[in-house]
Amino acid sequence: MLDLSGRSALVTGGGNGVGTGICTALVEAGAFVWVNDIYEDRAAKVAAELGGEAHARPMKADVTSPAKVRRMRDDTGPVDILVNNAGIPTAGFDLKAFVDTAPSDWEPMMRLNLGAVLHVTHAYAGAMVEQGWGRIVTIASDAGRKGERFQAIYGSAKAGAMGFMRGLAAEVGAHGVTANCISLGTMRTGFSEEAVEADPELERKLARQYTVPRLGLPSDVAPLVALLCSDAGAWITGQVYPVDGGYAPAL
């Protein structure tokens, strides 16, 4: 049921962190994966580590640009599986109260965390509907599901992506296409990984709010993505699944 042999996938932001973990899980399940990243060297490194052209290929593209997304779609052709993973995390940014922000602070968050999800899904979903099979998974955040201080814009972008996926699920379900979200807590990747390595006590402090007292890892997320993208996920759509160590349980 979890065999993805013969399926093709595109993972945005696949060049590091959670995206790389997802690419790995999909290849291990038998899928061919396009590893998208804005940095070609990162995408190429991941694709090579996954076994090269027989299993994965790099695809450089800025997914915030509709024109570049269209060119990417021309290069990859249709895919069976789309994972919208690319996004800007709040880690490493100067967190501010909303009233202290300016529109210039909002635009990058909205453009990548919501706009890119719309652009890439629009480019690939039509072929899934035509072929009568498809899987779309968008990686979201508990900042959009629960709400967090100093993350109102980030949370609104992620909440918008969740609402979009629910609406899309209602439109494409009759055509054999599912659309779901996975909502993450704080992940030990990127800026967070660097900070924890510099201060080992930091993870303990950050993890106090989690029932499972540690930060998330790509390996916590990737198996659920593989499940949702398989035939076993055929009757699961329009859902938001928390992978957050018990921080904000779903009702």
C-alpha atoms as a PDB file:
ATOM      1  CA  MET A   1       0.000   0.000   0.000  1.00  0.00           C
ATOM      2  CA  LEU A   2       2.959   2.336   0.545  1.00  0.00           C
ATOM      3  CA  ASP A   3       4.667   1.335  -2.696  1.00  0.00           C
ATOM      4  CA  LEU A   4       5.179   4.416  -4.883  1.00  0.00           C
ATOM      5  CA  SER A   5       6.944   2.578  -7.707  1.00  0.00           C
ATOM      6  CA  GLY A   6       6.189   4.186 -11.046  1.00  0.00           C
ATOM      7  CA  ARG A   7       5.080   7.454  -9.435  1.00  0.00           C
ATOM      8  CA  SER A   8       6.825  10.781  -9.957  1.00  0.00           C
ATOM      9  CA  ALA A   9       7.040  13.560  -7.379  1.00  0.00           C
ATOM     10  CA  LEU A  10       8.127  17.172  -7.030  1.00  0.00           C
ATOM     11  CA  VAL A  11       9.244  18.423  -3.617  1.00  0.00           C
ATOM     12  CA  THR A  12       9.730  22.182  -3.341  1.00  0.00           C
ATOM     13  CA  GLY A  13      12.487  23.308  -1.009  1.00  0.00           C
ATOM     14  CA  GLY A  14      13.903  19.800  -1.181  1.00  0.00           C
ATOM     15  CA  GLY A  15      17.529  20.872  -0.875  1.00  0.00           C
ATOM     16  CA  ASN A  16      17.743  20.749   2.911  1.00  0.00           C
ATOM     17  CA  GLY A  17      15.996  20.010   6.187  1.00  0.00           C
ATOM     18  CA  VAL A  18      12.454  18.669   6.134  1.00  0.00           C
ATOM     19  CA  GLY A  19      12.373  18.809   2.341  1.00  0.00           C
ATOM     20  CA  THR A  20      15.366  16.506   2.044  1.00  0.00           C
ATOM     21  CA  GLY A  21      13.801  14.096   4.513  1.00  0.00           C
ATOM     22  CA  ILE A  22      10.631  14.005   2.414  1.00  0.00           C
ATOM     23  CA  CYS A  23      12.590  13.427  -0.802  1.00  0.00           C
ATOM     24  CA  THR A  24      14.396  10.550   0.864  1.00  0.00           C
ATOM     25  CA  ALA A  25      11.183   8.899   2.077  1.00  0.00           C
ATOM     26  CA  LEU A  26       9.543   9.156  -1.337  1.00  0.00           C
ATOM     27  CA  VAL A  27      12.553   7.681  -3.131  1.00  0.00           C
ATOM     28  CA  GLU A  28      12.751   4.872  -0.568  1.00  0.00           C
ATOM     29  CA  ALA A  29       9.066   4.129  -1.298  1.00  0.00           C
ATOM     30  CA  GLY A  30       9.904   3.818  -4.989  1.00  0.00           C
ATOM     31  CA  ALA A  31       9.010   7.226  -6.441  1.00  0.00           C
ATOM     32  CA  PHE A  32      11.143   9.260  -8.828  1.00  0.00           C
ATOM     33  CA  VAL A  33      11.655  12.701  -7.252  1.00  0.00           C
ATOM     34  CA  TRP A  34      12.365  16.120  -8.671  1.00  0.00           C
ATOM     35  CA  VAL A  35      14.304  17.950  -5.955  1.00  0.00           C
ATOM     36  CA  ASN A  36      13.385  21.612  -6.260  1.00  0.00           C
ATOM     37  CA  ASP A  37      15.419  24.324  -4.584  1.00  0.00           C
ATOM     38  CA  ILE A  38      16.308  27.919  -5.307  1.00  0.00           C
ATOM     39  CA  TYR A  39      19.968  26.896  -4.873  1.00  0.00           C
ATOM     40  CA  GLU A  40      21.007  24.483  -7.609  1.00  0.00           C
ATOM     41  CA  ASP A  41      23.997  23.102  -5.707  1.00  0.00           C
ATOM     42  CA  ARG A  42      21.826  22.033  -2.787  1.00  0.00           C
ATOM     43  CA  ALA A  43      19.294  20.322  -5.050  1.00  0.00           C
ATOM     44  CA  ALA A  44      22.043  18.590  -7.018  1.00  0.00           C
ATOM     45  CA  LYS A  45      23.722  17.310  -3.848  1.00  0.00           C
ATOM     46  CA  VAL A  46      20.481  15.800  -2.537  1.00  0.00           C
ATOM     47  CA  ALA A  47      19.612  14.245  -5.899  1.00  0.00           C
ATOM     48  CA  ALA A  48      23.063  12.661  -6.124  1.00  0.00           C
ATOM     49  CA  GLU A  49      22.807  11.286  -2.586  1.00  0.00           C
ATOM     50  CA  LEU A  50      19.446   9.725  -3.494  1.00  0.00           C
ATOM     51  CA  GLY A  51      21.000   7.708  -6.305  1.00  0.00           C
ATOM     52  CA  GLY A  52      21.245  10.081  -9.233  1.00  0.00           C
ATOM     53  CA  GLU A  53      19.128  10.334 -12.355  1.00  0.00           C
ATOM     54  CA  ALA A  54      17.448   6.964 -12.012  1.00  0.00           C
ATOM     55  CA  HIS A  55      15.887   8.066  -8.725  1.00  0.00           C
ATOM     56  CA  ALA A  56      16.064  11.851  -8.417  1.00  0.00           C
ATOM     57  CA  ARG A  57      17.006  14.942 -10.377  1.00  0.00           C
ATOM     58  CA  PRO A  58      17.598  18.531  -9.268  1.00  0.00           C
ATOM     59  CA  MET A  59      15.290  21.302 -10.424  1.00  0.00           C
ATOM     60  CA  LYS A  60      16.351  24.853  -9.679  1.00  0.00           C
ATOM     61  CA  ALA A  61      13.439  27.315  -9.611  1.00  0.00           C
ATOM     62  CA  ASP A  62      12.208  30.262  -7.589  1.00  0.00           C
ATOM     63  CA  VAL A  63       8.702  29.069  -6.712  1.00  0.00           C
ATOM     64  CA  THR A  64       7.539  32.598  -5.873  1.00  0.00           C
ATOM     65  CA  SER A  65       7.774  33.503  -9.579  1.00  0.00           C
ATOM     66  CA  PRO A  66       4.822  32.397 -11.745  1.00  0.00           C
ATOM     67  CA  ALA A  67       6.988  32.542 -14.871  1.00  0.00           C
ATOM     68  CA  LYS A  68       9.728  30.393 -13.334  1.00  0.00           C
ATOM     69  CA  VAL A  69       7.156  27.934 -12.007  1.00  0.00           C
ATOM     70  CA  ARG A  70       5.724  27.579 -15.528  1.00  0.00           C
ATOM     71  CA  ARG A  71       9.211  26.903 -16.891  1.00  0.00           C
ATOM     72  CA  MET A  72       9.770  24.326 -14.171  1.00  0.00           C
ATOM     73  CA  ARG A  73       6.500  22.625 -15.127  1.00  0.00           C
ATOM     74  CA  ASP A  74       7.635  22.539 -18.760  1.00  0.00           C
ATOM     75  CA  ASP A  75      10.930  20.948 -17.718  1.00  0.00           C
ATOM     76  CA  THR A  76       9.536  18.309 -15.363  1.00  0.00           C
ATOM     77  CA  GLY A  77       6.314  17.520 -17.174  1.00  0.00           C
ATOM     78  CA  PRO A  78       3.357  16.360 -15.078  1.00  0.00           C
ATOM     79  CA  VAL A  79       3.935  14.638 -11.741  1.00  0.00           C
ATOM     80  CA  ASP A  80       1.780  12.327  -9.663  1.00  0.00           C
ATOM     81  CA  ILE A  81       2.803  13.796  -6.304  1.00  0.00           C
ATOM     82  CA  LEU A  82       3.407  17.401  -5.275  1.00  0.00           C
ATOM     83  CA  VAL A  83       4.809  18.364  -1.891  1.00  0.00           C
ATOM     84  CA  ASN A  84       4.705  22.104  -1.194  1.00  0.00           C
ATOM     85  CA  ASN A  85       7.493  22.315   1.360  1.00  0.00           C
ATOM     86  CA  ALA A  86       9.369  25.512   0.455  1.00  0.00           C
ATOM     87  CA  GLY A  87       8.841  28.265   2.992  1.00  0.00           C
ATOM     88  CA  ILE A  88      10.428  30.917   5.157  1.00  0.00           C
ATOM     89  CA  PRO A  89      10.573  29.859   8.824  1.00  0.00           C
ATOM     90  CA  THR A  90      10.481  32.415  11.604  1.00  0.00           C
ATOM     91  CA  ALA A  91      13.715  31.083  13.109  1.00  0.00           C
ATOM     92  CA  GLY A  92      16.556  33.465  12.392  1.00  0.00           C
ATOM     93  CA  PHE A  93      14.277  36.460  11.875  1.00  0.00           C
ATOM     94  CA  ASP A  94      13.736  39.432  14.155  1.00  0.00           C
ATOM     95  CA  LEU A  95      10.352  38.645  15.674  1.00  0.00           C
ATOM     96  CA  LYS A  96       8.164  41.713  16.150  1.00  0.00           C
ATOM     97  CA  ALA A  97       4.674  42.561  17.300  1.00  0.00           C
ATOM     98  CA  PHE A  98       2.429  43.115  14.281  1.00  0.00           C
ATOM     99  CA  VAL A  99       1.983  46.822  15.085  1.00  0.00           C
ATOM    100  CA  ASP A 100       5.753  47.253  14.869  1.00  0.00           C
ATOM    101  CA  THR A 101       6.032  45.724  11.402  1.00  0.00           C
ATOM    102  CA  ALA A 102       5.813  47.310   7.964  1.00  0.00           C
ATOM    103  CA  PRO A 103       4.384  45.958   4.697  1.00  0.00           C
ATOM    104  CA  SER A 104       7.931  45.213   3.569  1.00  0.00           C
ATOM    105  CA  ASP A 105       8.136  42.718   6.451  1.00  0.00           C
ATOM    106  CA  TRP A 106       4.953  40.941   5.366  1.00  0.00           C
ATOM    107  CA  GLU A 107       5.602  40.482   1.678  1.00  0.00           C
ATOM    108  CA  PRO A 108       8.407  37.843   1.745  1.00  0.00           C
ATOM    109  CA  MET A 109       6.444  35.697   4.210  1.00  0.00           C
ATOM    110  CA  MET A 110       3.229  35.869   2.178  1.00  0.00           C
ATOM    111  CA  ARG A 111       4.967  35.420  -1.170  1.00  0.00           C
ATOM    112  CA  LEU A 112       6.740  32.156  -0.257  1.00  0.00           C
ATOM    113  CA  ASN A 113       4.545  30.610   2.435  1.00  0.00           C
ATOM    114  CA  LEU A 114       1.259  31.176   0.590  1.00  0.00           C
ATOM    115  CA  GLY A 115       1.861  32.565  -2.900  1.00  0.00           C
ATOM    116  CA  ALA A 116       4.289  29.820  -3.915  1.00  0.00           C
ATOM    117  CA  VAL A 117       1.832  27.144  -2.786  1.00  0.00           C
ATOM    118  CA  LEU A 118      -0.786  28.647  -5.102  1.00  0.00           C
ATOM    119  CA  HIS A 119       1.576  29.033  -8.064  1.00  0.00           C
ATOM    120  CA  VAL A 120       3.062  25.530  -7.922  1.00  0.00           C
ATOM    121  CA  THR A 121      -0.229  23.783  -7.209  1.00  0.00           C
ATOM    122  CA  HIS A 122      -1.888  25.655 -10.071  1.00  0.00           C
ATOM    123  CA  ALA A 123       0.871  24.507 -12.426  1.00  0.00           C
ATOM    124  CA  TYR A 124       0.623  20.797 -11.540  1.00  0.00           C
ATOM    125  CA  ALA A 125      -2.887  20.009 -10.274  1.00  0.00           C
ATOM    126  CA  GLY A 126      -4.606  20.153 -13.651  1.00  0.00           C
ATOM    127  CA  ALA A 127      -2.719  17.170 -15.042  1.00  0.00           C
ATOM    128  CA  MET A 128      -3.498  15.186 -11.889  1.00  0.00           C
ATOM    129  CA  VAL A 129      -7.207  15.836 -12.417  1.00  0.00           C
ATOM    130  CA  GLU A 130      -6.927  14.805 -16.069  1.00  0.00           C
ATOM    131  CA  GLN A 131      -5.178  11.532 -15.277  1.00  0.00           C
ATOM    132  CA  GLY A 132      -7.517  10.723 -12.386  1.00  0.00           C
ATOM    133  CA  TRP A 133      -4.833  10.312  -9.704  1.00  0.00           C
ATOM    134  CA  GLY A 134      -2.760  12.729  -7.674  1.00  0.00           C
ATOM    135  CA  ARG A 135      -1.475  13.594  -4.241  1.00  0.00           C
ATOM    136  CA  ILE A 136      -0.787  17.110  -2.959  1.00  0.00           C
ATOM    137  CA  VAL A 137       0.693  17.706   0.493  1.00  0.00           C
ATOM    138  CA  THR A 138       1.500  21.165   1.854  1.00  0.00           C
ATOM    139  CA  ILE A 139       3.776  21.632   4.850  1.00  0.00           C
ATOM    140  CA  ALA A 140       2.232  24.186   7.217  1.00  0.00           C
ATOM    141  CA  SER A 141       2.868  25.314  10.795  1.00  0.00           C
ATOM    142  CA  ASP A 142       1.197  25.405  14.173  1.00  0.00           C
ATOM    143  CA  ALA A 143       1.700  29.174  14.021  1.00  0.00           C
ATOM    144  CA  GLY A 144      -1.204  29.120  11.554  1.00  0.00           C
ATOM    145  CA  ARG A 145      -3.222  26.424  13.300  1.00  0.00           C
ATOM    146  CA  LYS A 146      -2.944  27.758  16.878  1.00  0.00           C
ATOM    147  CA  GLY A 147      -1.488  31.250  16.617  1.00  0.00           C
ATOM    148  CA  GLU A 148       1.768  32.531  18.088  1.00  0.00           C
ATOM    149  CA  ARG A 149       2.919  35.877  19.477  1.00  0.00           C
ATOM    150  CA  PHE A 150       5.128  37.837  17.049  1.00  0.00           C
ATOM    151  CA  GLN A 151       4.242  35.447  14.210  1.00  0.00           C
ATOM    152  CA  ALA A 152       0.941  36.917  13.017  1.00  0.00           C
ATOM    153  CA  ILE A 153       2.022  37.303   9.393  1.00  0.00           C
ATOM    154  CA  TYR A 154       3.815  33.967   9.198  1.00  0.00           C
ATOM    155  CA  GLY A 155       0.814  32.326  10.838  1.00  0.00           C
ATOM    156  CA  SER A 156      -1.639  34.014   8.498  1.00  0.00           C
ATOM    157  CA  ALA A 157       0.291  32.777   5.449  1.00  0.00           C
ATOM    158  CA  LYS A 158       0.333  29.227   6.771  1.00  0.00           C
ATOM    159  CA  ALA A 159      -3.341  29.421   7.755  1.00  0.00           C
ATOM    160  CA  GLY A 160      -4.115  30.642   4.245  1.00  0.00           C
ATOM    161  CA  ALA A 161      -2.283  27.656   2.786  1.00  0.00           C
ATOM    162  CA  MET A 162      -4.322  25.325   4.983  1.00  0.00           C
ATOM    163  CA  GLY A 163      -7.576  26.957   3.905  1.00  0.00           C
ATOM    164  CA  PHE A 164      -6.529  26.734   0.273  1.00  0.00           C
ATOM    165  CA  MET A 165      -5.802  23.025   0.567  1.00  0.00           C
ATOM    166  CA  ARG A 166      -9.177  22.344   2.183  1.00  0.00           C
ATOM    167  CA  GLY A 167     -10.947  24.161  -0.626  1.00  0.00           C
ATOM    168  CA  LEU A 168      -8.855  22.432  -3.267  1.00  0.00           C
ATOM    169  CA  ALA A 169      -9.593  19.050  -1.708  1.00  0.00           C
ATOM    170  CA  ALA A 170     -13.314  19.691  -2.119  1.00  0.00           C
ATOM    171  CA  GLU A 171     -12.803  20.466  -5.812  1.00  0.00           C
ATOM    172  CA  VAL A 172     -10.498  17.653  -6.892  1.00  0.00           C
ATOM    173  CA  GLY A 173     -11.519  14.722  -4.707  1.00  0.00           C
ATOM    174  CA  ALA A 174     -13.966  13.333  -7.263  1.00  0.00           C
ATOM    175  CA  HIS A 175     -11.053  13.089  -9.719  1.00  0.00           C
ATOM    176  CA  GLY A 176      -8.871  10.839  -7.559  1.00  0.00           C
ATOM    177  CA  VAL A 177      -6.720  13.686  -6.256  1.00  0.00           C
ATOM    178  CA  THR A 178      -6.191  14.280  -2.536  1.00  0.00           C
ATOM    179  CA  ALA A 179      -4.954  17.464  -0.840  1.00  0.00           C
ATOM    180  CA  ASN A 180      -3.733  17.552   2.753  1.00  0.00           C
ATOM    181  CA  CYS A 181      -1.513  19.568   5.087  1.00  0.00           C
ATOM    182  CA  ILE A 182       1.001  18.632   7.752  1.00  0.00           C
ATOM    183  CA  SER A 183       1.379  21.249  10.480  1.00  0.00           C
ATOM    184  CA  LEU A 184       4.777  21.347  12.166  1.00  0.00           C
ATOM    185  CA  GLY A 185       6.070  22.494  15.496  1.00  0.00           C
ATOM    186  CA  THR A 186       9.624  23.763  15.889  1.00  0.00           C
ATOM    187  CA  MET A 187      11.975  21.648  13.809  1.00  0.00           C
ATOM    188  CA  ARG A 188      15.639  21.015  14.505  1.00  0.00           C
ATOM    189  CA  THR A 189      16.787  22.129  11.062  1.00  0.00           C
ATOM    190  CA  GLY A 190      18.430  25.207   9.545  1.00  0.00           C
ATOM    191  CA  PHE A 191      18.725  28.122  11.961  1.00  0.00           C
ATOM    192  CA  SER A 192      17.300  26.057  14.816  1.00  0.00           C
ATOM    193  CA  GLU A 193      19.874  23.316  14.293  1.00  0.00           C
ATOM    194  CA  GLU A 194      22.693  25.864  14.290  1.00  0.00           C
ATOM    195  CA  ALA A 195      21.379  27.506  17.450  1.00  0.00           C
ATOM    196  CA  VAL A 196      21.001  24.205  19.308  1.00  0.00           C
ATOM    197  CA  GLU A 197      24.488  23.108  18.310  1.00  0.00           C
ATOM    198  CA  ALA A 198      25.863  26.382  19.651  1.00  0.00           C
ATOM    199  CA  ASP A 199      23.837  26.104  22.889  1.00  0.00           C
ATOM    200  CA  PRO A 200      22.814  22.523  23.785  1.00  0.00           C
ATOM    201  CA  GLU A 201      20.571  23.834  26.580  1.00  0.00           C
ATOM    202  CA  LEU A 202      18.459  25.695  24.056  1.00  0.00           C
ATOM    203  CA  GLU A 203      16.630  22.606  22.847  1.00  0.00           C
ATOM    204  CA  ARG A 204      15.562  21.762  26.396  1.00  0.00           C
ATOM    205  CA  LYS A 205      14.229  25.288  26.837  1.00  0.00           C
ATOM    206  CA  LEU A 206      12.406  25.328  23.507  1.00  0.00           C
ATOM    207  CA  ALA A 207      10.960  21.845  24.086  1.00  0.00           C
ATOM    208  CA  ARG A 208       9.311  22.671  27.406  1.00  0.00           C
ATOM    209  CA  GLN A 209       6.040  23.330  25.585  1.00  0.00           C
ATOM    210  CA  TYR A 210       6.009  19.906  23.923  1.00  0.00           C
ATOM    211  CA  THR A 211       4.531  16.742  25.397  1.00  0.00           C
ATOM    212  CA  VAL A 212       7.379  14.837  23.738  1.00  0.00           C
ATOM    213  CA  PRO A 213      10.215  17.011  25.104  1.00  0.00           C
ATOM    214  CA  ARG A 214      12.399  17.589  22.059  1.00  0.00           C
ATOM    215  CA  LEU A 215      12.357  19.456  18.760  1.00  0.00           C
ATOM    216  CA  GLY A 216      11.081  17.832  15.580  1.00  0.00           C
ATOM    217  CA  LEU A 217      13.234  16.030  13.035  1.00  0.00           C
ATOM    218  CA  PRO A 218      12.697  15.461   9.302  1.00  0.00           C
ATOM    219  CA  SER A 219      12.270  11.772  10.082  1.00  0.00           C
ATOM    220  CA  ASP A 220       9.191  12.647  12.162  1.00  0.00           C
ATOM    221  CA  VAL A 221       7.500  14.193   9.122  1.00  0.00           C
ATOM    222  CA  ALA A 222       8.588  12.180   6.098  1.00  0.00           C
ATOM    223  CA  PRO A 223       6.803   8.870   6.827  1.00  0.00           C
ATOM    224  CA  LEU A 224       3.431  10.633   7.115  1.00  0.00           C
ATOM    225  CA  VAL A 225       4.040  12.371   3.789  1.00  0.00           C
ATOM    226  CA  ALA A 226       4.773   8.992   2.180  1.00  0.00           C
ATOM    227  CA  LEU A 227       1.566   7.554   3.631  1.00  0.00           C
ATOM    228  CA  LEU A 228      -0.587  10.439   2.395  1.00  0.00           C
ATOM    229  CA  CYS A 229       1.008  10.163  -1.050  1.00  0.00           C
ATOM    230  CA  SER A 230       0.349   6.442  -1.375  1.00  0.00           C
ATOM    231  CA  ASP A 231      -2.700   4.381  -2.292  1.00  0.00           C
ATOM    232  CA  ALA A 232      -3.229   3.939   1.450  1.00  0.00           C
ATOM    233  CA  GLY A 233      -4.112   7.645   1.594  1.00  0.00           C
ATOM    234  CA  ALA A 234      -6.810   7.486  -1.069  1.00  0.00           C
ATOM    235  CA  TRP A 235      -9.651   8.307   1.345  1.00  0.00           C
ATOM    236  CA  ILE A 236      -7.787  10.976   3.332  1.00  0.00           C
ATOM    237  CA  THR A 237      -8.215  14.505   2.017  1.00  0.00           C
ATOM    238  CA  GLY A 238      -8.853  18.041   3.214  1.00  0.00           C
ATOM    239  CA  GLN A 239      -7.081  17.327   6.510  1.00  0.00           C
ATOM    240  CA  VAL A 240      -4.429  19.076   8.601  1.00  0.00           C
ATOM    241  CA  TYR A 241      -2.227  16.660  10.539  1.00  0.00           C
ATOM    242  CA  PRO A 242      -0.134  18.050  13.424  1.00  0.00           C
ATOM    243  CA  VAL A 243       3.395  16.706  13.738  1.00  0.00           C
ATOM    244  CA  ASP A 244       4.355  18.781  16.729  1.00  0.00           C
ATOM    245  CA  GLY A 245       5.261  16.636  19.732  1.00  0.00           C
ATOM    246  CA  GLY A 246       1.795  17.138  21.211  1.00  0.00           C
ATOM    247  CA  TYR A 247       2.044  20.941  21.338  1.00  0.00           C
ATOM    248  CA  ALA A 248      -1.441  21.680  20.003  1.00  0.00           C
ATOM    249  CA  PRO A 249      -3.545  18.505  19.661  1.00  0.00           C
ATOM    250  CA  ALA A 250      -6.089  18.445  16.854  1.00  0.00           C
ATOM    251  CA  LEU A 251      -9.768  18.059  17.721  1.00  0.00           C
END
